[in-house]
């Protein structure tokens, strides 16, 4: 079996139920953004030492795959076997955020993304999770599973932000706060 099928050569792709749609379809945009987010979580994971951050990111990647699979399946084709995220997944993210925040300095304002390679990777993943969330909102679905995915993604972006702060605290790197009045550097 080969990876290339040639069925997408003219700008169409198949959804999970086999329906053919444009690669510019809003559903394809949504699960494509989830795929980007998952890739960036994997990039952060590649830089993470073994431990709690790595464990949480591995879990997140599996759930992002669940989200993408569900979004790739039109609501009329979903059944009891369609994978999903659960309310327990959302609660887990909230708990992880609390754990990460306990180890970080109190948040005193907006944080400029970066500080270390791993923290910067987590911030990039966070930004793309937000894009995925916006793409799913654009589907205008009020399906309970889709709303749960939106809650999951909302918490996930918060988790990635908190994880970046946690990483900086663990690495002993100071966060850079946003300073709207910063003077330009000497050149």
N, C-alpha and C. Protein backbone atom coordinates (compact mmCIF):
# COMPACT_ATOMS: atom_id res chain seq x y z
N UNK A 1 0.85 -1.19 0.00
CA UNK A 1 0.00 0.00 0.00
C UNK A 1 0.89 1.24 0.00
N UNK A 2 0.48 2.24 -0.74
CA UNK A 2 1.23 3.49 -0.83
C UNK A 2 0.49 4.61 -0.12
N UNK A 3 1.22 5.61 0.31
CA UNK A 3 0.62 6.74 1.02
C UNK A 3 -0.14 7.67 0.06
N UNK A 4 0.27 7.72 -1.18
CA UNK A 4 -0.41 8.62 -2.10
C UNK A 4 -1.55 7.90 -2.81
N UNK A 5 -2.68 8.63 -2.90
CA UNK A 5 -3.88 8.06 -3.52
C UNK A 5 -4.24 8.77 -4.82
N UNK A 6 -3.74 9.97 -4.99
CA UNK A 6 -4.02 10.84 -6.15
C UNK A 6 -5.46 11.34 -6.18
N UNK A 7 -6.25 11.01 -5.13
CA UNK A 7 -7.65 11.44 -5.13
C UNK A 7 -7.80 12.90 -4.74
N UNK A 8 -6.75 13.52 -4.24
CA UNK A 8 -6.82 14.93 -3.86
C UNK A 8 -6.15 15.86 -4.84
N UNK A 9 -5.77 15.33 -5.98
CA UNK A 9 -5.01 16.12 -6.95
C UNK A 9 -5.78 17.31 -7.53
N UNK A 10 -7.08 17.32 -7.39
CA UNK A 10 -7.88 18.40 -7.98
C UNK A 10 -8.60 19.22 -6.91
N UNK A 11 -8.02 19.24 -5.70
CA UNK A 11 -8.53 20.13 -4.67
C UNK A 11 -9.67 19.59 -3.83
N UNK A 12 -9.89 18.30 -3.87
CA UNK A 12 -10.92 17.70 -3.02
C UNK A 12 -10.31 16.67 -2.10
N UNK A 13 -11.01 16.39 -1.03
CA UNK A 13 -10.59 15.37 -0.08
C UNK A 13 -11.83 14.66 0.45
N UNK A 14 -11.61 13.57 1.17
CA UNK A 14 -12.73 12.82 1.74
C UNK A 14 -12.85 13.10 3.23
N UNK A 15 -14.07 13.28 3.67
CA UNK A 15 -14.34 13.34 5.10
C UNK A 15 -14.36 11.91 5.64
N UNK A 16 -14.50 11.77 6.94
CA UNK A 16 -14.45 10.45 7.57
C UNK A 16 -15.58 9.53 7.08
N UNK A 17 -16.69 10.11 6.63
CA UNK A 17 -17.80 9.28 6.14
C UNK A 17 -17.69 8.99 4.65
N UNK A 18 -16.59 9.43 4.01
CA UNK A 18 -16.38 9.18 2.58
C UNK A 18 -16.87 10.29 1.68
N UNK A 19 -17.61 11.25 2.21
CA UNK A 19 -18.10 12.35 1.39
C UNK A 19 -16.92 13.16 0.85
N UNK A 20 -17.00 13.56 -0.41
CA UNK A 20 -15.96 14.36 -1.04
C UNK A 20 -16.32 15.84 -0.90
N UNK A 21 -15.34 16.62 -0.45
CA UNK A 21 -15.52 18.06 -0.27
C UNK A 21 -14.27 18.78 -0.73
N UNK A 22 -14.41 20.06 -0.93
CA UNK A 22 -13.27 20.90 -1.27
C UNK A 22 -12.28 20.93 -0.12
N UNK A 23 -11.00 21.00 -0.44
CA UNK A 23 -9.99 21.13 0.61
C UNK A 23 -10.09 22.48 1.31
N UNK A 24 -10.88 23.40 0.77
CA UNK A 24 -11.13 24.69 1.40
C UNK A 24 -12.41 24.67 2.24
N UNK A 25 -13.07 23.54 2.34
CA UNK A 25 -14.29 23.40 3.14
C UNK A 25 -14.01 23.77 4.60
N UNK A 26 -14.96 24.39 5.26
CA UNK A 26 -14.75 24.84 6.64
C UNK A 26 -14.47 23.67 7.59
N UNK A 27 -15.03 22.52 7.33
CA UNK A 27 -14.75 21.35 8.18
C UNK A 27 -13.30 20.90 7.98
N UNK A 28 -12.81 20.93 6.76
CA UNK A 28 -11.41 20.56 6.49
C UNK A 28 -10.48 21.59 7.13
N UNK A 29 -10.84 22.86 7.05
CA UNK A 29 -10.05 23.91 7.72
C UNK A 29 -9.98 23.65 9.23
N UNK A 30 -11.10 23.23 9.82
CA UNK A 30 -11.14 23.00 11.27
C UNK A 30 -10.28 21.82 11.67
N UNK A 31 -10.43 20.68 11.01
CA UNK A 31 -9.60 19.54 11.44
C UNK A 31 -8.16 19.71 10.98
N UNK A 32 -7.94 20.52 9.96
CA UNK A 32 -6.56 20.85 9.57
C UNK A 32 -5.87 21.68 10.64
N UNK A 33 -6.60 22.63 11.23
CA UNK A 33 -6.03 23.44 12.32
C UNK A 33 -5.75 22.56 13.54
N UNK A 34 -6.61 21.58 13.79
CA UNK A 34 -6.36 20.64 14.89
C UNK A 34 -5.10 19.82 14.61
N UNK A 35 -4.90 19.44 13.36
CA UNK A 35 -3.69 18.70 13.00
C UNK A 35 -2.45 19.56 13.21
N UNK A 36 -2.51 20.84 12.80
CA UNK A 36 -1.39 21.75 13.05
C UNK A 36 -1.10 21.86 14.53
N UNK A 37 -2.14 22.02 15.33
CA UNK A 37 -1.96 22.13 16.77
C UNK A 37 -1.31 20.87 17.33
N UNK A 38 -1.76 19.72 16.87
CA UNK A 38 -1.20 18.46 17.34
C UNK A 38 0.27 18.34 16.97
N UNK A 39 0.62 18.76 15.75
CA UNK A 39 2.03 18.74 15.34
C UNK A 39 2.88 19.64 16.23
N UNK A 40 2.35 20.80 16.58
CA UNK A 40 3.11 21.72 17.41
C UNK A 40 3.20 21.26 18.85
N UNK A 41 2.18 20.57 19.34
CA UNK A 41 2.29 19.95 20.66
C UNK A 41 3.39 18.88 20.60
N UNK A 42 3.45 18.13 19.50
CA UNK A 42 4.52 17.15 19.32
C UNK A 42 5.89 17.80 19.27
N UNK A 43 5.98 18.96 18.66
CA UNK A 43 7.26 19.68 18.62
C UNK A 43 7.67 20.12 20.02
N UNK A 44 6.71 20.57 20.81
CA UNK A 44 7.01 20.92 22.20
C UNK A 44 7.42 19.67 22.98
N UNK A 45 6.71 18.59 22.76
CA UNK A 45 7.04 17.33 23.43
C UNK A 45 8.46 16.88 23.12
N UNK A 46 8.90 17.09 21.89
CA UNK A 46 10.26 16.69 21.50
C UNK A 46 11.32 17.44 22.30
N UNK A 47 10.99 18.61 22.82
CA UNK A 47 11.94 19.40 23.60
C UNK A 47 11.74 19.24 25.11
N UNK A 48 10.70 18.50 25.49
CA UNK A 48 10.37 18.38 26.92
C UNK A 48 11.16 17.25 27.57
N UNK A 49 11.66 17.51 28.77
CA UNK A 49 12.29 16.40 29.50
C UNK A 49 11.21 15.43 29.98
N UNK A 50 11.63 14.22 30.29
CA UNK A 50 10.65 13.27 30.84
C UNK A 50 10.07 13.85 32.11
N UNK A 51 8.81 13.58 32.34
CA UNK A 51 8.16 14.08 33.54
C UNK A 51 6.76 14.55 33.23
N UNK A 52 6.26 15.40 34.11
CA UNK A 52 4.85 15.79 34.05
C UNK A 52 4.49 16.51 32.76
N UNK A 53 5.33 17.42 32.28
CA UNK A 53 5.02 18.12 31.03
C UNK A 53 4.92 17.13 29.88
N UNK A 54 5.89 16.24 29.75
CA UNK A 54 5.87 15.25 28.68
C UNK A 54 4.64 14.35 28.79
N UNK A 55 4.32 13.93 29.99
CA UNK A 55 3.15 13.06 30.17
C UNK A 55 1.86 13.77 29.76
N UNK A 56 1.72 15.01 30.16
CA UNK A 56 0.52 15.77 29.82
C UNK A 56 0.45 15.99 28.31
N UNK A 57 1.57 16.32 27.67
CA UNK A 57 1.57 16.57 26.22
C UNK A 57 1.23 15.31 25.44
N UNK A 58 1.71 14.16 25.90
CA UNK A 58 1.35 12.89 25.24
C UNK A 58 -0.16 12.67 25.29
N UNK A 59 -0.74 12.89 26.45
CA UNK A 59 -2.19 12.77 26.64
C UNK A 59 -2.93 13.74 25.72
N UNK A 60 -2.46 14.99 25.67
CA UNK A 60 -3.08 16.02 24.86
C UNK A 60 -3.07 15.62 23.39
N UNK A 61 -1.96 15.07 22.91
CA UNK A 61 -1.91 14.67 21.50
C UNK A 61 -2.97 13.63 21.17
N UNK A 62 -3.18 12.69 22.06
CA UNK A 62 -4.20 11.67 21.81
C UNK A 62 -5.59 12.30 21.74
N UNK A 63 -5.86 13.23 22.65
CA UNK A 63 -7.18 13.87 22.67
C UNK A 63 -7.36 14.81 21.48
N UNK A 64 -6.30 15.48 21.04
CA UNK A 64 -6.41 16.30 19.83
C UNK A 64 -6.74 15.43 18.62
N UNK A 65 -6.20 14.23 18.58
CA UNK A 65 -6.55 13.30 17.49
C UNK A 65 -8.02 12.92 17.57
N UNK A 66 -8.53 12.73 18.79
CA UNK A 66 -9.96 12.46 18.95
C UNK A 66 -10.79 13.63 18.42
N UNK A 67 -10.37 14.85 18.78
CA UNK A 67 -11.09 16.04 18.32
C UNK A 67 -11.11 16.10 16.80
N UNK A 68 -9.96 15.89 16.17
CA UNK A 68 -9.87 15.97 14.70
C UNK A 68 -10.74 14.90 14.05
N UNK A 69 -10.73 13.70 14.60
CA UNK A 69 -11.55 12.62 14.04
C UNK A 69 -13.03 12.97 14.12
N UNK A 70 -13.45 13.50 15.25
CA UNK A 70 -14.86 13.86 15.40
C UNK A 70 -15.25 14.99 14.45
N UNK A 71 -14.41 16.01 14.35
CA UNK A 71 -14.71 17.13 13.46
C UNK A 71 -14.70 16.69 12.00
N UNK A 72 -13.87 15.70 11.66
CA UNK A 72 -13.81 15.19 10.28
C UNK A 72 -15.02 14.33 9.93
N UNK A 73 -15.83 14.02 10.92
CA UNK A 73 -17.02 13.20 10.71
C UNK A 73 -18.25 14.10 10.78
N UNK A 74 -18.93 14.30 9.66
CA UNK A 74 -20.14 15.14 9.69
C UNK A 74 -21.15 14.61 10.71
N UNK A 75 -21.89 15.50 11.32
CA UNK A 75 -22.78 15.12 12.42
C UNK A 75 -23.76 14.02 12.03
N UNK A 76 -24.25 14.02 10.82
CA UNK A 76 -25.21 12.99 10.41
C UNK A 76 -24.57 11.61 10.27
N UNK A 77 -23.24 11.55 10.21
CA UNK A 77 -22.54 10.26 10.07
C UNK A 77 -22.00 9.75 11.40
N UNK A 78 -22.16 10.51 12.45
CA UNK A 78 -21.63 10.10 13.75
C UNK A 78 -22.52 9.04 14.37
N UNK A 79 -21.87 8.13 15.10
CA UNK A 79 -22.61 7.10 15.82
C UNK A 79 -21.91 6.83 17.15
N UNK A 80 -22.29 5.79 17.82
CA UNK A 80 -21.73 5.47 19.15
C UNK A 80 -20.24 5.17 19.09
N UNK A 81 -19.72 4.86 17.92
CA UNK A 81 -18.30 4.53 17.78
C UNK A 81 -17.43 5.74 17.43
N UNK A 82 -18.05 6.89 17.20
CA UNK A 82 -17.29 8.09 16.88
C UNK A 82 -16.53 8.54 18.12
N UNK A 83 -15.22 8.70 17.99
CA UNK A 83 -14.41 9.10 19.15
C UNK A 83 -14.73 10.55 19.52
N UNK A 84 -14.39 10.89 20.74
CA UNK A 84 -14.78 12.18 21.28
C UNK A 84 -13.83 12.54 22.41
N UNK A 85 -14.01 13.70 22.97
CA UNK A 85 -13.40 14.05 24.24
C UNK A 85 -14.53 14.09 25.25
N UNK A 86 -14.19 13.87 26.50
CA UNK A 86 -15.20 13.79 27.54
C UNK A 86 -15.11 14.98 28.49
N UNK A 87 -16.11 15.10 29.31
CA UNK A 87 -16.07 16.12 30.35
C UNK A 87 -14.90 15.85 31.30
N UNK A 88 -14.56 14.57 31.50
CA UNK A 88 -13.42 14.22 32.34
C UNK A 88 -12.11 14.73 31.73
N UNK A 89 -12.02 14.77 30.41
CA UNK A 89 -10.84 15.32 29.75
C UNK A 89 -10.71 16.82 30.05
N UNK A 90 -11.82 17.52 30.04
CA UNK A 90 -11.81 18.95 30.35
C UNK A 90 -11.40 19.15 31.81
N UNK A 91 -11.95 18.35 32.70
CA UNK A 91 -11.61 18.45 34.13
C UNK A 91 -10.14 18.14 34.35
N UNK A 92 -9.60 17.15 33.62
CA UNK A 92 -8.17 16.85 33.75
C UNK A 92 -7.33 18.07 33.39
N UNK A 93 -7.67 18.74 32.28
CA UNK A 93 -6.91 19.93 31.88
C UNK A 93 -6.98 21.01 32.96
N UNK A 94 -8.15 21.19 33.54
CA UNK A 94 -8.28 22.18 34.61
C UNK A 94 -7.38 21.83 35.80
N UNK A 95 -7.34 20.56 36.14
CA UNK A 95 -6.48 20.13 37.26
C UNK A 95 -5.00 20.37 36.92
N UNK A 96 -4.61 20.03 35.70
CA UNK A 96 -3.22 20.23 35.28
C UNK A 96 -2.87 21.72 35.30
N UNK A 97 -3.79 22.57 34.87
CA UNK A 97 -3.56 24.02 34.92
C UNK A 97 -3.31 24.44 36.36
N UNK A 98 -4.13 23.96 37.27
CA UNK A 98 -3.96 24.31 38.69
C UNK A 98 -2.59 23.87 39.20
N UNK A 99 -2.16 22.68 38.83
CA UNK A 99 -0.85 22.18 39.26
C UNK A 99 0.26 23.06 38.70
N UNK A 100 0.18 23.41 37.42
CA UNK A 100 1.21 24.24 36.81
C UNK A 100 1.23 25.64 37.42
N UNK A 101 0.06 26.19 37.66
CA UNK A 101 -0.02 27.55 38.21
C UNK A 101 0.50 27.61 39.65
N UNK A 102 0.34 26.53 40.41
CA UNK A 102 0.85 26.50 41.79
C UNK A 102 2.37 26.65 41.83
N UNK A 103 3.04 26.22 40.77
CA UNK A 103 4.50 26.26 40.72
C UNK A 103 5.02 27.51 40.02
N UNK A 104 4.14 28.38 39.59
CA UNK A 104 4.54 29.59 38.87
C UNK A 104 4.29 30.81 39.73
N UNK A 105 4.98 31.89 39.44
CA UNK A 105 4.76 33.15 40.14
C UNK A 105 3.35 33.65 39.81
N UNK A 106 2.78 34.44 40.70
CA UNK A 106 1.45 35.00 40.39
C UNK A 106 1.50 35.79 39.08
N UNK A 107 0.46 35.65 38.30
CA UNK A 107 0.37 36.35 37.02
C UNK A 107 0.05 37.81 37.29
N UNK A 108 0.89 38.71 36.77
CA UNK A 108 0.72 40.14 37.05
C UNK A 108 0.35 40.96 35.81
N UNK A 109 0.13 40.30 34.70
CA UNK A 109 -0.22 41.01 33.48
C UNK A 109 0.02 40.11 32.29
N UNK A 110 0.02 40.70 31.12
CA UNK A 110 0.27 39.94 29.91
C UNK A 110 1.72 39.49 29.86
N UNK A 111 1.93 38.30 29.34
CA UNK A 111 3.27 37.71 29.24
C UNK A 111 3.67 37.69 27.77
N UNK A 112 4.90 38.09 27.50
CA UNK A 112 5.42 38.01 26.13
C UNK A 112 5.88 36.56 25.92
N UNK A 113 5.39 35.90 24.87
CA UNK A 113 5.75 34.50 24.64
C UNK A 113 7.25 34.33 24.44
N UNK A 114 7.78 33.24 24.99
CA UNK A 114 9.20 32.93 24.83
C UNK A 114 9.84 32.63 26.15
N UNK A 115 11.11 32.95 26.26
CA UNK A 115 11.85 32.73 27.50
C UNK A 115 12.79 31.55 27.42
N UNK A 116 12.34 30.50 26.79
CA UNK A 116 13.17 29.32 26.54
C UNK A 116 12.60 28.61 25.32
N UNK A 117 13.36 27.69 24.78
CA UNK A 117 12.87 26.99 23.58
C UNK A 117 11.57 26.25 23.85
N UNK A 118 11.51 25.49 24.94
CA UNK A 118 10.30 24.72 25.23
C UNK A 118 9.12 25.65 25.50
N UNK A 119 9.32 26.71 26.28
CA UNK A 119 8.23 27.64 26.56
C UNK A 119 7.73 28.28 25.26
N UNK A 120 8.64 28.66 24.38
CA UNK A 120 8.24 29.27 23.11
C UNK A 120 7.44 28.27 22.26
N UNK A 121 7.86 27.01 22.23
CA UNK A 121 7.12 25.99 21.49
C UNK A 121 5.71 25.81 22.06
N UNK A 122 5.59 25.84 23.38
CA UNK A 122 4.27 25.72 24.01
C UNK A 122 3.39 26.90 23.65
N UNK A 123 3.97 28.10 23.58
CA UNK A 123 3.18 29.28 23.20
C UNK A 123 2.73 29.20 21.74
N UNK A 124 3.57 28.71 20.86
CA UNK A 124 3.16 28.56 19.46
C UNK A 124 2.01 27.56 19.36
N UNK A 125 2.13 26.45 20.07
CA UNK A 125 1.05 25.47 20.08
C UNK A 125 -0.23 26.09 20.62
N UNK A 126 -0.11 26.90 21.67
CA UNK A 126 -1.28 27.58 22.25
C UNK A 126 -1.97 28.45 21.22
N UNK A 127 -1.20 29.22 20.47
CA UNK A 127 -1.79 30.12 19.47
C UNK A 127 -2.52 29.34 18.39
N UNK A 128 -1.98 28.20 17.99
CA UNK A 128 -2.62 27.41 16.95
C UNK A 128 -3.86 26.69 17.50
N UNK A 129 -3.83 26.30 18.77
CA UNK A 129 -5.04 25.74 19.38
C UNK A 129 -6.16 26.78 19.34
N UNK A 130 -5.83 28.03 19.60
CA UNK A 130 -6.84 29.09 19.52
C UNK A 130 -7.40 29.22 18.10
N UNK A 131 -6.53 29.07 17.11
CA UNK A 131 -7.01 29.12 15.71
C UNK A 131 -7.95 27.96 15.45
N UNK A 132 -7.59 26.76 15.91
CA UNK A 132 -8.46 25.59 15.73
C UNK A 132 -9.82 25.84 16.38
N UNK A 133 -9.78 26.42 17.55
CA UNK A 133 -11.03 26.74 18.25
C UNK A 133 -11.89 27.68 17.40
N UNK A 134 -11.28 28.71 16.83
CA UNK A 134 -12.03 29.65 15.97
C UNK A 134 -12.59 28.94 14.75
N UNK A 135 -11.82 28.03 14.17
CA UNK A 135 -12.30 27.31 12.98
C UNK A 135 -13.50 26.43 13.33
N UNK A 136 -13.49 25.83 14.50
CA UNK A 136 -14.61 24.97 14.90
C UNK A 136 -15.83 25.83 15.19
N UNK A 137 -15.64 26.99 15.80
CA UNK A 137 -16.75 27.91 16.02
C UNK A 137 -17.38 28.28 14.68
N UNK A 138 -16.56 28.44 13.64
CA UNK A 138 -17.09 28.84 12.34
C UNK A 138 -17.96 27.75 11.71
N UNK A 139 -17.87 26.52 12.21
CA UNK A 139 -18.75 25.46 11.70
C UNK A 139 -20.19 25.69 12.15
N UNK A 140 -20.37 26.52 13.18
CA UNK A 140 -21.69 26.88 13.70
C UNK A 140 -22.50 25.65 14.10
N UNK A 141 -21.82 24.70 14.72
CA UNK A 141 -22.50 23.50 15.19
C UNK A 141 -22.82 23.66 16.67
N UNK A 142 -23.98 23.26 17.04
CA UNK A 142 -24.36 23.28 18.46
C UNK A 142 -24.50 21.84 18.97
N UNK A 143 -23.87 20.94 18.26
CA UNK A 143 -23.83 19.54 18.70
C UNK A 143 -23.11 19.48 20.04
N UNK A 144 -23.63 18.69 20.97
CA UNK A 144 -23.05 18.62 22.32
C UNK A 144 -21.58 18.22 22.29
N UNK A 145 -21.22 17.29 21.42
CA UNK A 145 -19.82 16.87 21.32
C UNK A 145 -18.93 17.97 20.80
N UNK A 146 -19.42 18.75 19.85
CA UNK A 146 -18.64 19.87 19.34
C UNK A 146 -18.46 20.94 20.40
N UNK A 147 -19.50 21.18 21.19
CA UNK A 147 -19.38 22.16 22.28
C UNK A 147 -18.38 21.67 23.32
N UNK A 148 -18.34 20.38 23.56
CA UNK A 148 -17.36 19.82 24.50
C UNK A 148 -15.95 19.99 23.93
N UNK A 149 -15.80 19.80 22.63
CA UNK A 149 -14.50 20.03 21.98
C UNK A 149 -14.09 21.49 22.15
N UNK A 150 -15.02 22.42 22.00
CA UNK A 150 -14.69 23.83 22.19
C UNK A 150 -14.23 24.09 23.61
N UNK A 151 -14.90 23.49 24.60
CA UNK A 151 -14.46 23.65 26.00
C UNK A 151 -13.07 23.05 26.19
N UNK A 152 -12.85 21.87 25.59
CA UNK A 152 -11.55 21.22 25.69
C UNK A 152 -10.46 22.11 25.11
N UNK A 153 -10.69 22.67 23.93
CA UNK A 153 -9.68 23.52 23.29
C UNK A 153 -9.46 24.80 24.06
N UNK A 154 -10.52 25.36 24.61
CA UNK A 154 -10.38 26.56 25.41
C UNK A 154 -9.48 26.28 26.62
N UNK A 155 -9.72 25.16 27.30
CA UNK A 155 -8.87 24.80 28.44
C UNK A 155 -7.47 24.43 27.99
N UNK A 156 -7.36 23.79 26.82
CA UNK A 156 -6.05 23.39 26.33
C UNK A 156 -5.17 24.60 26.07
N UNK A 157 -5.72 25.65 25.50
CA UNK A 157 -4.88 26.84 25.28
C UNK A 157 -4.43 27.42 26.61
N UNK A 158 -5.32 27.39 27.60
CA UNK A 158 -4.93 27.84 28.94
C UNK A 158 -3.86 26.92 29.53
N UNK A 159 -4.02 25.63 29.32
CA UNK A 159 -3.03 24.68 29.82
C UNK A 159 -1.66 24.93 29.19
N UNK A 160 -1.61 25.15 27.88
CA UNK A 160 -0.33 25.37 27.21
C UNK A 160 0.32 26.66 27.70
N UNK A 161 -0.48 27.68 27.96
CA UNK A 161 0.04 28.92 28.55
C UNK A 161 0.63 28.64 29.94
N UNK A 162 -0.15 27.93 30.75
CA UNK A 162 0.31 27.60 32.11
C UNK A 162 1.53 26.69 32.09
N UNK A 163 1.57 25.77 31.13
CA UNK A 163 2.72 24.88 31.00
C UNK A 163 3.97 25.67 30.64
N UNK A 164 3.84 26.67 29.77
CA UNK A 164 4.99 27.51 29.40
C UNK A 164 5.51 28.26 30.63
N UNK A 165 4.60 28.78 31.43
CA UNK A 165 5.00 29.48 32.66
C UNK A 165 5.66 28.50 33.64
N UNK A 166 5.12 27.30 33.75
CA UNK A 166 5.67 26.27 34.62
C UNK A 166 7.08 25.91 34.19
N UNK A 167 7.27 25.75 32.88
CA UNK A 167 8.59 25.41 32.34
C UNK A 167 9.60 26.49 32.69
N UNK A 168 9.23 27.75 32.51
CA UNK A 168 10.16 28.84 32.84
C UNK A 168 10.51 28.82 34.33
N UNK A 169 9.52 28.57 35.17
CA UNK A 169 9.78 28.49 36.62
C UNK A 169 10.74 27.34 36.92
N UNK A 170 10.52 26.20 36.29
CA UNK A 170 11.39 25.04 36.50
C UNK A 170 12.81 25.30 36.00
N UNK A 171 12.92 26.06 34.90
CA UNK A 171 14.23 26.36 34.32
C UNK A 171 14.90 27.55 34.99
N UNK A 172 14.19 28.22 35.88
CA UNK A 172 14.74 29.40 36.56
C UNK A 172 14.87 30.61 35.65
N UNK A 173 14.00 30.70 34.65
CA UNK A 173 14.02 31.80 33.68
C UNK A 173 12.88 32.76 34.03
N UNK A 174 13.19 34.04 34.09
CA UNK A 174 12.17 35.04 34.37
C UNK A 174 11.27 35.23 33.15
N UNK A 175 9.99 35.37 33.41
CA UNK A 175 9.05 35.73 32.35
C UNK A 175 9.28 37.17 31.95
N UNK A 176 8.97 37.48 30.72
CA UNK A 176 9.01 38.86 30.25
C UNK A 176 7.57 39.32 30.17
N UNK A 177 7.27 40.36 30.93
CA UNK A 177 5.93 40.94 30.88
C UNK A 177 5.83 41.93 29.74
N UNK A 178 4.62 42.12 29.28
CA UNK A 178 4.37 43.08 28.21
C UNK A 178 4.56 44.49 28.75
N UNK A 179 5.37 45.27 28.04
CA UNK A 179 5.59 46.68 28.40
C UNK A 179 5.26 47.51 27.17
N UNK A 180 4.08 48.10 27.11
CA UNK A 180 3.69 48.85 25.91
C UNK A 180 4.49 50.12 25.69
N UNK A 181 5.31 50.50 26.68
CA UNK A 181 6.06 51.74 26.57
C UNK A 181 7.57 51.49 26.46
N UNK A 182 7.98 50.29 26.18
CA UNK A 182 9.40 49.96 26.13
C UNK A 182 10.10 50.82 25.07
N UNK A 183 11.26 51.28 25.41
CA UNK A 183 12.05 52.12 24.49
C UNK A 183 12.78 51.21 23.50
N UNK A 184 13.01 51.70 22.30
CA UNK A 184 13.77 50.89 21.34
C UNK A 184 15.21 50.70 21.82
N UNK A 185 15.82 49.58 21.45
CA UNK A 185 17.19 49.34 21.89
C UNK A 185 18.18 50.22 21.14
N UNK A 186 19.33 50.41 21.74
CA UNK A 186 20.42 51.13 21.07
C UNK A 186 20.96 50.24 19.96
N UNK A 187 21.22 50.83 18.82
CA UNK A 187 21.78 50.07 17.68
C UNK A 187 23.18 50.56 17.36
